[in-house]
Structure formats: structure tokens, C-alpha cells
Amino acid sequence: MPDRIVITKAAIGSRFIVSFEPRTVSWPSLEFRNHREAKSCAEARQAAHSWQIIDQTAEGGA
């Protein structure tokens, strides 16, 4: 079971990746068009599971 959520920028393009670590097949990474959507997803998962969010982007006050 994951214990943290990591938000990163995609290597190619301007998308954002939300991954759950340690990684498992049952919790795949998710891709979003903007930081707001990625952060919203991460916050919803944090509320449900109490996992720590680690935002590795330099986006707006994250």
C-alpha cells in the first residue's frame, strides 16, 4: 500500500504526473493537463488515505 503521493512534471510536454509510492500495480500513476487538476487529485487521495503529498514541481504555491 502506498504511503505518499508525488506530483511531478512530465519529462515531455507540459503535463503533470501523480504517482503513489512505493509503486504498485494496483495504484498506477495518473496524468493531468495542468497542475491544478493534479493537485486536486492528490488532495482527494490524501483526504481519503492520509498519505503525504510531495509536490516536486515549482508551480503556484504548491
C-alpha atoms as a PDB file:
ATOM      1  CA  MET A   1       0.000   0.000   0.000  1.00  0.00           C
ATOM      2  CA  PRO A   2       1.401   3.422  -0.891  1.00  0.00           C
ATOM      3  CA  ASP A   3       2.252   5.886   1.847  1.00  0.00           C
ATOM      4  CA  ARG A   4       2.930   9.042  -0.155  1.00  0.00           C
ATOM      5  CA  ILE A   5       1.748  10.889  -3.264  1.00  0.00           C
ATOM      6  CA  VAL A   6       4.281  12.560  -5.555  1.00  0.00           C
ATOM      7  CA  ILE A   7       3.420  15.269  -8.103  1.00  0.00           C
ATOM      8  CA  THR A   8       5.996  15.765 -10.867  1.00  0.00           C
ATOM      9  CA  LYS A   9       6.196  17.389 -14.298  1.00  0.00           C
ATOM     10  CA  ALA A  10       6.158  15.001 -17.239  1.00  0.00           C
ATOM     11  CA  ALA A  11       9.519  14.598 -18.986  1.00  0.00           C
ATOM     12  CA  ILE A  12       7.994  15.543 -22.335  1.00  0.00           C
ATOM     13  CA  GLY A  13       5.247  18.107 -22.783  1.00  0.00           C
ATOM     14  CA  SER A  14       3.518  20.224 -20.181  1.00  0.00           C
ATOM     15  CA  ARG A  15       1.567  17.551 -18.327  1.00  0.00           C
ATOM     16  CA  PHE A  16       1.754  16.587 -14.643  1.00  0.00           C
ATOM     17  CA  ILE A  17       2.100  13.117 -13.155  1.00  0.00           C
ATOM     18  CA  VAL A  18       0.615  11.999  -9.839  1.00  0.00           C
ATOM     19  CA  SER A  19       2.242   8.801  -8.605  1.00  0.00           C
ATOM     20  CA  PHE A  20       1.757   6.743  -5.499  1.00  0.00           C
ATOM     21  CA  GLU A  21       4.876   5.451  -3.741  1.00  0.00           C
ATOM     22  CA  PRO A  22       6.014   2.873  -3.166  1.00  0.00           C
ATOM     23  CA  ARG A  23       4.603   1.987  -6.561  1.00  0.00           C
ATOM     24  CA  THR A  24       2.240  -0.938  -7.010  1.00  0.00           C
ATOM     25  CA  VAL A  25       0.268  -2.339  -9.910  1.00  0.00           C
ATOM     26  CA  SER A  26      -2.995  -1.577  -8.113  1.00  0.00           C
ATOM     27  CA  TRP A  27      -2.116   2.171  -7.826  1.00  0.00           C
ATOM     28  CA  PRO A  28      -0.943   3.323 -11.298  1.00  0.00           C
ATOM     29  CA  SER A  29       0.372   6.823 -11.960  1.00  0.00           C
ATOM     30  CA  LEU A  30      -2.139   9.361 -13.269  1.00  0.00           C
ATOM     31  CA  GLU A  31      -1.514  12.110 -15.824  1.00  0.00           C
ATOM     32  CA  PHE A  32      -3.149  15.553 -15.846  1.00  0.00           C
ATOM     33  CA  ARG A  33      -3.176  18.537 -18.208  1.00  0.00           C
ATOM     34  CA  ASN A  34      -2.439  21.104 -15.528  1.00  0.00           C
ATOM     35  CA  HIS A  35      -1.088  21.427 -12.005  1.00  0.00           C
ATOM     36  CA  ARG A  36      -4.467  22.386 -10.539  1.00  0.00           C
ATOM     37  CA  GLU A  37      -6.021  19.081 -11.648  1.00  0.00           C
ATOM     38  CA  ALA A  38      -3.029  17.069 -10.407  1.00  0.00           C
ATOM     39  CA  LYS A  39      -3.065  18.790  -7.017  1.00  0.00           C
ATOM     40  CA  SER A  40      -6.823  18.328  -6.683  1.00  0.00           C
ATOM     41  CA  CYS A  41      -6.455  14.594  -7.319  1.00  0.00           C
ATOM     42  CA  ALA A  42      -3.592  14.332  -4.819  1.00  0.00           C
ATOM     43  CA  GLU A  43      -5.552  16.223  -2.160  1.00  0.00           C
ATOM     44  CA  ALA A  44      -8.591  13.975  -2.632  1.00  0.00           C
ATOM     45  CA  ARG A  45      -6.428  10.868  -2.184  1.00  0.00           C
ATOM     46  CA  GLN A  46      -4.766  12.459   0.837  1.00  0.00           C
ATOM     47  CA  ALA A  47      -8.169  13.106   2.419  1.00  0.00           C
ATOM     48  CA  ALA A  48      -9.219   9.502   1.829  1.00  0.00           C
ATOM     49  CA  HIS A  49      -5.981   7.775   2.877  1.00  0.00           C
ATOM     50  CA  SER A  50      -3.939  10.331   4.905  1.00  0.00           C
ATOM     51  CA  TRP A  51      -0.945   9.922   2.586  1.00  0.00           C
ATOM     52  CA  GLN A  52       1.652  12.714   2.495  1.00  0.00           C
ATOM     53  CA  ILE A  53       1.796  14.850  -0.689  1.00  0.00           C
ATOM     54  CA  ILE A  54       5.223  15.660  -2.090  1.00  0.00           C
ATOM     55  CA  ASP A  55       4.981  18.269  -4.856  1.00  0.00           C
ATOM     56  CA  GLN A  56       8.222  18.286  -6.842  1.00  0.00           C
ATOM     57  CA  THR A  57       7.044  20.985  -9.243  1.00  0.00           C
ATOM     58  CA  ALA A  58       7.642  24.712  -8.962  1.00  0.00           C
ATOM     59  CA  GLU A  59       4.000  25.529  -9.650  1.00  0.00           C
ATOM     60  CA  GLY A  60       1.955  28.241  -7.928  1.00  0.00           C
ATOM     61  CA  GLY A  61       2.460  27.979  -4.194  1.00  0.00           C
ATOM     62  CA  ALA A  62       2.454  24.180  -4.128  1.00  0.00           C
END
